Amino acid sequence: MTEKLLKREDIAKILCVSLTTASRYMDQMPCFRFKEGGHKRVKEADLMAWISSRTVVPCTERKKAAKRSESTGPRAVWKIERKRA
């Protein structure tokens, strides 16, 4: 089973970043470095794992909890007291 090895140019195209940024990202992910010329290659599976480990999914539950706590927090009490005065 052969796995595709990606060059810096391939990674830049997949991530839609510059070649310099792709090189910087390659330093953060597991990659192969060849002795001759020092060229780096990254397995496609490693790139996808690296992307998924850095993907942030917004949490709607956290937003809902924040809205619930706004009405009972210290600022809410201050607003209520200010309205009474």
PDB file of N, CA and C in Angstrom:
ATOM      1  N   MET A   1       0.841  -1.169   0.000  1.00  0.00           N
ATOM      2  CA  MET A   1       0.000   0.000   0.000  1.00  0.00           C
ATOM      3  C   MET A   1       0.893   1.241   0.000  1.00  0.00           C
ATOM      4  N   THR A   2       0.740   2.050  -0.995  1.00  0.00           N
ATOM      5  CA  THR A   2       1.544   3.263  -1.061  1.00  0.00           C
ATOM      6  C   THR A   2       0.708   4.447  -0.620  1.00  0.00           C
ATOM      7  N   GLU A   3       1.335   5.291   0.139  1.00  0.00           N
ATOM      8  CA  GLU A   3       0.663   6.480   0.619  1.00  0.00           C
ATOM      9  C   GLU A   3       1.284   7.688  -0.060  1.00  0.00           C
ATOM     10  N   LYS A   4       0.466   8.623  -0.451  1.00  0.00           N
ATOM     11  CA  LYS A   4       0.935   9.785  -1.178  1.00  0.00           C
ATOM     12  C   LYS A   4       1.726  10.713  -0.254  1.00  0.00           C
ATOM     13  N   LEU A   5       2.920  11.110  -0.707  1.00  0.00           N
ATOM     14  CA  LEU A   5       3.735  12.060   0.028  1.00  0.00           C
ATOM     15  C   LEU A   5       3.572  13.434  -0.613  1.00  0.00           C
ATOM     16  N   LEU A   6       3.247  14.412   0.202  1.00  0.00           N
ATOM     17  CA  LEU A   6       2.958  15.750  -0.300  1.00  0.00           C
ATOM     18  C   LEU A   6       4.168  16.670  -0.166  1.00  0.00           C
ATOM     19  N   LYS A   7       4.371  17.500  -1.178  1.00  0.00           N
ATOM     20  CA  LYS A   7       5.422  18.519  -1.162  1.00  0.00           C
ATOM     21  C   LYS A   7       4.872  19.785  -0.523  1.00  0.00           C
ATOM     22  N   ARG A   8       5.769  20.735  -0.342  1.00  0.00           N
ATOM     23  CA  ARG A   8       5.387  22.026   0.230  1.00  0.00           C
ATOM     24  C   ARG A   8       4.342  22.713  -0.647  1.00  0.00           C
ATOM     25  N   GLU A   9       4.496  22.615  -1.952  1.00  0.00           N
ATOM     26  CA  GLU A   9       3.563  23.247  -2.884  1.00  0.00           C
ATOM     27  C   GLU A   9       2.163  22.631  -2.772  1.00  0.00           C
ATOM     28  N   ASP A  10       2.121  21.314  -2.587  1.00  0.00           N
ATOM     29  CA  ASP A  10       0.835  20.630  -2.436  1.00  0.00           C
ATOM     30  C   ASP A  10       0.123  21.077  -1.160  1.00  0.00           C
ATOM     31  N   ILE A  11       0.879  21.181  -0.091  1.00  0.00           N
ATOM     32  CA  ILE A  11       0.305  21.595   1.194  1.00  0.00           C
ATOM     33  C   ILE A  11      -0.188  23.036   1.111  1.00  0.00           C
ATOM     34  N   ALA A  12       0.580  23.906   0.464  1.00  0.00           N
ATOM     35  CA  ALA A  12       0.171  25.297   0.300  1.00  0.00           C
ATOM     36  C   ALA A  12      -1.133  25.390  -0.484  1.00  0.00           C
ATOM     37  N   LYS A  13      -1.278  24.559  -1.500  1.00  0.00           N
ATOM     38  CA  LYS A  13      -2.495  24.571  -2.309  1.00  0.00           C
ATOM     39  C   LYS A  13      -3.680  24.036  -1.519  1.00  0.00           C
ATOM     40  N   ILE A  14      -3.494  22.971  -0.758  1.00  0.00           N
ATOM     41  CA  ILE A  14      -4.589  22.382   0.023  1.00  0.00           C
ATOM     42  C   ILE A  14      -5.059  23.344   1.108  1.00  0.00           C
ATOM     43  N   LEU A  15      -4.107  23.986   1.796  1.00  0.00           N
ATOM     44  CA  LEU A  15      -4.451  24.874   2.906  1.00  0.00           C
ATOM     45  C   LEU A  15      -4.729  26.308   2.467  1.00  0.00           C
ATOM     46  N   CYS A  16      -4.486  26.611   1.178  1.00  0.00           N
ATOM     47  CA  CYS A  16      -4.673  27.973   0.645  1.00  0.00           C
ATOM     48  C   CYS A  16      -3.815  28.979   1.405  1.00  0.00           C
ATOM     49  N   VAL A  17      -2.538  28.663   1.543  1.00  0.00           N
ATOM     50  CA  VAL A  17      -1.588  29.555   2.211  1.00  0.00           C
ATOM     51  C   VAL A  17      -0.365  29.735   1.304  1.00  0.00           C
ATOM     52  N   SER A  18       0.518  30.644   1.702  1.00  0.00           N
ATOM     53  CA  SER A  18       1.735  30.868   0.927  1.00  0.00           C
ATOM     54  C   SER A  18       2.720  29.719   1.143  1.00  0.00           C
ATOM     55  N   LEU A  19       3.760  29.682   0.309  1.00  0.00           N
ATOM     56  CA  LEU A  19       4.773  28.634   0.440  1.00  0.00           C
ATOM     57  C   LEU A  19       5.537  28.769   1.750  1.00  0.00           C
ATOM     58  N   THR A  20       5.775  29.998   2.190  1.00  0.00           N
ATOM     59  CA  THR A  20       6.477  30.231   3.451  1.00  0.00           C
ATOM     60  C   THR A  20       5.663  29.699   4.627  1.00  0.00           C
ATOM     61  N   THR A  21       4.374  29.960   4.625  1.00  0.00           N
ATOM     62  CA  THR A  21       3.498  29.475   5.691  1.00  0.00           C
ATOM     63  C   THR A  21       3.414  27.954   5.661  1.00  0.00           C
ATOM     64  N   ALA A  22       3.361  27.390   4.465  1.00  0.00           N
ATOM     65  CA  ALA A  22       3.323  25.923   4.340  1.00  0.00           C
ATOM     66  C   ALA A  22       4.596  25.312   4.930  1.00  0.00           C
ATOM     67  N   SER A  23       5.752  25.933   4.703  1.00  0.00           N
ATOM     68  CA  SER A  23       7.006  25.437   5.281  1.00  0.00           C
ATOM     69  C   SER A  23       6.972  25.503   6.798  1.00  0.00           C
ATOM     70  N   ARG A  24       6.420  26.584   7.326  1.00  0.00           N
ATOM     71  CA  ARG A  24       6.323  26.741   8.776  1.00  0.00           C
ATOM     72  C   ARG A  24       5.393  25.683   9.364  1.00  0.00           C
ATOM     73  N   TYR A  25       4.289  25.417   8.687  1.00  0.00           N
ATOM     74  CA  TYR A  25       3.362  24.384   9.157  1.00  0.00           C
ATOM     75  C   TYR A  25       4.000  23.000   9.088  1.00  0.00           C
ATOM     76  N   MET A  26       4.816  22.752   8.072  1.00  0.00           N
ATOM     77  CA  MET A  26       5.461  21.445   7.936  1.00  0.00           C
ATOM     78  C   MET A  26       6.405  21.169   9.105  1.00  0.00           C
ATOM     79  N   ASP A  27       6.946  22.225   9.715  1.00  0.00           N
ATOM     80  CA  ASP A  27       7.801  22.048  10.888  1.00  0.00           C
ATOM     81  C   ASP A  27       6.994  21.571  12.092  1.00  0.00           C
ATOM     82  N   GLN A  28       5.686  21.809  12.093  1.00  0.00           N
ATOM     83  CA  GLN A  28       4.829  21.435  13.214  1.00  0.00           C
ATOM     84  C   GLN A  28       4.222  20.043  13.066  1.00  0.00           C
ATOM     85  N   MET A  29       4.248  19.476  11.870  1.00  0.00           N
ATOM     86  CA  MET A  29       3.618  18.173  11.642  1.00  0.00           C
ATOM     87  C   MET A  29       4.668  17.111  11.372  1.00  0.00           C
ATOM     88  N   PRO A  30       4.336  15.851  11.583  1.00  0.00           N
ATOM     89  CA  PRO A  30       5.299  14.784  11.304  1.00  0.00           C
ATOM     90  C   PRO A  30       5.602  14.729   9.810  1.00  0.00           C
ATOM     91  N   CYS A  31       6.894  14.755   9.472  1.00  0.00           N
ATOM     92  CA  CYS A  31       7.264  14.745   8.058  1.00  0.00           C
ATOM     93  C   CYS A  31       8.566  13.968   7.861  1.00  0.00           C
ATOM     94  N   PHE A  32       8.836  13.651   6.608  1.00  0.00           N
ATOM     95  CA  PHE A  32      10.074  12.974   6.218  1.00  0.00           C
ATOM     96  C   PHE A  32      11.028  14.013   5.661  1.00  0.00           C
ATOM     97  N   ARG A  33      12.295  13.884   6.001  1.00  0.00           N
ATOM     98  CA  ARG A  33      13.307  14.767   5.428  1.00  0.00           C
ATOM     99  C   ARG A  33      14.337  13.889   4.724  1.00  0.00           C
ATOM    100  N   PHE A  34      14.556  14.180   3.458  1.00  0.00           N
ATOM    101  CA  PHE A  34      15.523  13.428   2.676  1.00  0.00           C
ATOM    102  C   PHE A  34      16.917  13.998   2.882  1.00  0.00           C
ATOM    103  N   LYS A  35      17.922  13.127   2.938  1.00  0.00           N
ATOM    104  CA  LYS A  35      19.302  13.579   3.150  1.00  0.00           C
ATOM    105  C   LYS A  35      19.774  14.459   2.005  1.00  0.00           C
ATOM    106  N   GLU A  36      19.514  14.005   0.792  1.00  0.00           N
ATOM    107  CA  GLU A  36      19.945  14.762  -0.379  1.00  0.00           C
ATOM    108  C   GLU A  36      19.039  15.974  -0.564  1.00  0.00           C
ATOM    109  N   GLY A  37      19.551  17.154  -0.350  1.00  0.00           N
ATOM    110  CA  GLY A  37      18.784  18.374  -0.578  1.00  0.00           C
ATOM    111  C   GLY A  37      17.921  18.805   0.592  1.00  0.00           C
ATOM    112  N   GLY A  38      17.683  17.930   1.543  1.00  0.00           N
ATOM    113  CA  GLY A  38      16.892  18.279   2.721  1.00  0.00           C
ATOM    114  C   GLY A  38      15.416  18.526   2.429  1.00  0.00           C
ATOM    115  N   HIS A  39      14.891  17.933   1.366  1.00  0.00           N
ATOM    116  CA  HIS A  39      13.487  18.134   1.019  1.00  0.00           C
ATOM    117  C   HIS A  39      12.583  17.423   2.010  1.00  0.00           C
ATOM    118  N   LYS A  40      11.479  18.072   2.354  1.00  0.00           N
ATOM    119  CA  LYS A  40      10.522  17.502   3.293  1.00  0.00           C
ATOM    120  C   LYS A  40       9.315  16.990   2.534  1.00  0.00           C
ATOM    121  N   ARG A  41       8.730  15.906   3.052  1.00  0.00           N
ATOM    122  CA  ARG A  41       7.501  15.360   2.516  1.00  0.00           C
ATOM    123  C   ARG A  41       6.612  14.963   3.691  1.00  0.00           C
ATOM    124  N   VAL A  42       5.315  15.141   3.507  1.00  0.00           N
ATOM    125  CA  VAL A  42       4.337  14.828   4.547  1.00  0.00           C
ATOM    126  C   VAL A  42       3.343  13.825   3.988  1.00  0.00           C
ATOM    127  N   LYS A  43       3.024  12.809   4.779  1.00  0.00           N
ATOM    128  CA  LYS A  43       1.991  11.856   4.371  1.00  0.00           C
ATOM    129  C   LYS A  43       0.646  12.570   4.352  1.00  0.00           C
ATOM    130  N   GLU A  44      -0.168  12.196   3.390  1.00  0.00           N
ATOM    131  CA  GLU A  44      -1.485  12.825   3.264  1.00  0.00           C
ATOM    132  C   GLU A  44      -2.330  12.576   4.515  1.00  0.00           C
ATOM    133  N   ALA A  45      -2.242  11.390   5.080  1.00  0.00           N
ATOM    134  CA  ALA A  45      -3.005  11.061   6.288  1.00  0.00           C
ATOM    135  C   ALA A  45      -2.544  11.915   7.475  1.00  0.00           C
ATOM    136  N   ASP A  46      -1.224  12.168   7.565  1.00  0.00           N
ATOM    137  CA  ASP A  46      -0.707  13.007   8.646  1.00  0.00           C
ATOM    138  C   ASP A  46      -1.179  14.451   8.500  1.00  0.00           C
ATOM    139  N   LEU A  47      -1.259  14.926   7.254  1.00  0.00           N
ATOM    140  CA  LEU A  47      -1.758  16.286   7.026  1.00  0.00           C
ATOM    141  C   LEU A  47      -3.213  16.392   7.452  1.00  0.00           C
ATOM    142  N   MET A  48      -4.028  15.418   7.081  1.00  0.00           N
ATOM    143  CA  MET A  48      -5.443  15.454   7.448  1.00  0.00           C
ATOM    144  C   MET A  48      -5.634  15.357   8.964  1.00  0.00           C
ATOM    145  N   ALA A  49      -4.800  14.550   9.630  1.00  0.00           N
ATOM    146  CA  ALA A  49      -4.861  14.459  11.096  1.00  0.00           C
ATOM    147  C   ALA A  49      -4.444  15.778  11.731  1.00  0.00           C
ATOM    148  N   TRP A  50      -3.435  16.421  11.164  1.00  0.00           N
ATOM    149  CA  TRP A  50      -2.962  17.718  11.671  1.00  0.00           C
ATOM    150  C   TRP A  50      -4.046  18.774  11.515  1.00  0.00           C
ATOM    151  N   ILE A  51      -4.740  18.764  10.374  1.00  0.00           N
ATOM    152  CA  ILE A  51      -5.820  19.726  10.143  1.00  0.00           C
ATOM    153  C   ILE A  51      -6.961  19.488  11.125  1.00  0.00           C
ATOM    154  N   SER A  52      -7.370  18.240  11.293  1.00  0.00           N
ATOM    155  CA  SER A  52      -8.494  17.951  12.189  1.00  0.00           C
ATOM    156  C   SER A  52      -8.159  18.242  13.647  1.00  0.00           C
ATOM    157  N   SER A  53      -6.895  18.136  14.033  1.00  0.00           N
ATOM    158  CA  SER A  53      -6.528  18.438  15.418  1.00  0.00           C
ATOM    159  C   SER A  53      -6.547  19.937  15.699  1.00  0.00           C
ATOM    160  N   ARG A  54      -6.511  20.746  14.658  1.00  0.00           N
ATOM    161  CA  ARG A  54      -6.521  22.191  14.830  1.00  0.00           C
ATOM    162  C   ARG A  54      -7.823  22.845  14.406  1.00  0.00           C
ATOM    163  N   THR A  55      -8.821  22.046  14.067  1.00  0.00           N
ATOM    164  CA  THR A  55     -10.106  22.575  13.661  1.00  0.00           C
ATOM    165  C   THR A  55     -10.948  22.833  14.897  1.00  0.00           C
ATOM    166  N   VAL A  56     -11.513  24.022  14.971  1.00  0.00           N
ATOM    167  CA  VAL A  56     -12.329  24.408  16.120  1.00  0.00           C
ATOM    168  C   VAL A  56     -13.785  24.468  15.672  1.00  0.00           C
ATOM    169  N   VAL A  57     -14.633  23.762  16.386  1.00  0.00           N
ATOM    170  CA  VAL A  57     -16.058  23.764  16.111  1.00  0.00           C
ATOM    171  C   VAL A  57     -16.726  24.615  17.175  1.00  0.00           C
ATOM    172  N   PRO A  58     -17.493  25.626  16.780  1.00  0.00           N
ATOM    173  CA  PRO A  58     -18.131  26.472  17.791  1.00  0.00           C
ATOM    174  C   PRO A  58     -19.124  25.680  18.630  1.00  0.00           C
ATOM    175  N   CYS A  59     -19.146  25.977  19.896  1.00  0.00           N
ATOM    176  CA  CYS A  59     -20.011  25.267  20.831  1.00  0.00           C
ATOM    177  C   CYS A  59     -21.241  26.125  21.114  1.00  0.00           C
ATOM    178  N   THR A  60     -22.384  25.707  20.623  1.00  0.00           N
ATOM    179  CA  THR A  60     -23.609  26.473  20.843  1.00  0.00           C
ATOM    180  C   THR A  60     -24.089  26.348  22.281  1.00  0.00           C
ATOM    181  N   GLU A  61     -23.768  25.241  22.926  1.00  0.00           N
ATOM    182  CA  GLU A  61     -24.174  25.060  24.324  1.00  0.00           C
ATOM    183  C   GLU A  61     -23.493  26.083  25.224  1.00  0.00           C
ATOM    184  N   ARG A  62     -22.229  26.409  24.911  1.00  0.00           N
ATOM    185  CA  ARG A  62     -21.516  27.389  25.713  1.00  0.00           C
ATOM    186  C   ARG A  62     -22.180  28.757  25.588  1.00  0.00           C
ATOM    187  N   LYS A  63     -22.643  29.090  24.386  1.00  0.00           N
ATOM    188  CA  LYS A  63     -23.318  30.371  24.168  1.00  0.00           C
ATOM    189  C   LYS A  63     -24.637  30.407  24.915  1.00  0.00           C
ATOM    190  N   LYS A  64     -25.373  29.288  24.899  1.00  0.00           N
ATOM    191  CA  LYS A  64     -26.646  29.233  25.607  1.00  0.00           C
ATOM    192  C   LYS A  64     -26.441  29.384  27.111  1.00  0.00           C
ATOM    193  N   ALA A  65     -25.406  28.754  27.642  1.00  0.00           N
ATOM    194  CA  ALA A  65     -25.117  28.848  29.075  1.00  0.00           C
ATOM    195  C   ALA A  65     -24.734  30.272  29.456  1.00  0.00           C
ATOM    196  N   ALA A  66     -24.006  30.956  28.587  1.00  0.00           N
ATOM    197  CA  ALA A  66     -23.611  32.331  28.870  1.00  0.00           C
ATOM    198  C   ALA A  66     -24.830  33.241  28.906  1.00  0.00           C
ATOM    199  N   LYS A  67     -25.792  33.015  28.035  1.00  0.00           N
ATOM    200  CA  LYS A  67     -27.008  33.836  28.034  1.00  0.00           C
ATOM    201  C   LYS A  67     -27.818  33.609  29.301  1.00  0.00           C
ATOM    202  N   ARG A  68     -27.879  32.355  29.770  1.00  0.00           N
ATOM    203  CA  ARG A  68     -28.611  32.057  30.991  1.00  0.00           C
ATOM    204  C   ARG A  68     -27.967  32.725  32.204  1.00  0.00           C
ATOM    205  N   SER A  69     -26.636  32.753  32.266  1.00  0.00           N
ATOM    206  CA  SER A  69     -25.952  33.294  33.437  1.00  0.00           C
ATOM    207  C   SER A  69     -25.931  34.817  33.445  1.00  0.00           C
ATOM    208  N   GLU A  70     -26.233  35.467  32.322  1.00  0.00           N
ATOM    209  CA  GLU A  70     -26.230  36.928  32.284  1.00  0.00           C
ATOM    210  C   GLU A  70     -27.291  37.513  33.204  1.00  0.00           C
ATOM    211  N   SER A  71     -28.424  36.877  33.304  1.00  0.00           N
ATOM    212  CA  SER A  71     -29.521  37.426  34.091  1.00  0.00           C
ATOM    213  C   SER A  71     -29.312  37.270  35.590  1.00  0.00           C
ATOM    214  N   THR A  72     -28.376  36.413  36.022  1.00  0.00           N
ATOM    215  CA  THR A  72     -28.187  36.186  37.453  1.00  0.00           C
ATOM    216  C   THR A  72     -26.821  36.643  37.944  1.00  0.00           C
ATOM    217  N   GLY A  73     -25.998  37.186  37.101  1.00  0.00           N
ATOM    218  CA  GLY A  73     -24.655  37.594  37.489  1.00  0.00           C
ATOM    219  C   GLY A  73     -24.647  38.908  38.251  1.00  0.00           C
ATOM    220  N   PRO A  74     -23.468  39.333  38.748  1.00  0.00           N
ATOM    221  CA  PRO A  74     -23.379  40.571  39.524  1.00  0.00           C
ATOM    222  C   PRO A  74     -23.778  41.804  38.725  1.00  0.00           C
ATOM    223  N   ARG A  75     -23.515  41.814  37.439  1.00  0.00           N
ATOM    224  CA  ARG A  75     -23.925  42.959  36.636  1.00  0.00           C
ATOM    225  C   ARG A  75     -25.433  43.072  36.563  1.00  0.00           C
ATOM    226  N   ALA A  76     -26.118  41.931  36.492  1.00  0.00           N
ATOM    227  CA  ALA A  76     -27.575  41.946  36.439  1.00  0.00           C
ATOM    228  C   ALA A  76     -28.133  42.538  37.725  1.00  0.00           C
ATOM    229  N   VAL A  77     -27.557  42.176  38.863  1.00  0.00           N
ATOM    230  CA  VAL A  77     -28.014  42.708  40.148  1.00  0.00           C
ATOM    231  C   VAL A  77     -27.783  44.206  40.183  1.00  0.00           C
ATOM    232  N   TRP A  78     -26.640  44.664  39.703  1.00  0.00           N
ATOM    233  CA  TRP A  78     -26.331  46.095  39.692  1.00  0.00           C
ATOM    234  C   TRP A  78     -27.323  46.838  38.806  1.00  0.00           C
ATOM    235  N   LYS A  79     -27.678  46.245  37.644  1.00  0.00           N
ATOM    236  CA  LYS A  79     -28.629  46.887  36.746  1.00  0.00           C
ATOM    237  C   LYS A  79     -30.001  46.999  37.400  1.00  0.00           C
ATOM    238  N   ILE A  80     -30.410  45.954  38.133  1.00  0.00           N
ATOM    239  CA  ILE A  80     -31.704  45.961  38.794  1.00  0.00           C
ATOM    240  C   ILE A  80     -31.725  47.044  39.868  1.00  0.00           C
ATOM    241  N   GLU A  81     -30.651  47.118  40.685  1.00  0.00           N
ATOM    242  CA  GLU A  81     -30.582  48.118  41.747  1.00  0.00           C
ATOM    243  C   GLU A  81     -30.543  49.527  41.160  1.00  0.00           C
ATOM    244  N   ARG A  82     -29.868  49.690  40.031  1.00  0.00           N
ATOM    245  CA  ARG A  82     -29.760  51.004  39.391  1.00  0.00           C
ATOM    246  C   ARG A  82     -31.138  51.439  38.866  1.00  0.00           C
ATOM    247  N   LYS A  83     -31.920  50.496  38.340  1.00  0.00           N
ATOM    248  CA  LYS A  83     -33.248  50.823  37.828  1.00  0.00           C
ATOM    249  C   LYS A  83     -34.177  51.232  38.963  1.00  0.00           C
ATOM    250  N   ARG A  84     -34.030  50.640  40.152  1.00  0.00           N
ATOM    251  CA  ARG A  84     -34.884  50.973  41.290  1.00  0.00           C
ATOM    252  C   ARG A  84     -34.611  52.379  41.805  1.00  0.00           C
ATOM    253  N   ALA A  85     -33.373  52.830  41.729  1.00  0.00           N
ATOM    254  CA  ALA A  85     -32.998  54.124  42.299  1.00  0.00           C
ATOM    255  C   ALA A  85     -33.454  55.291  41.473  1.00  0.00           C
TER     256      ALA A  85
END
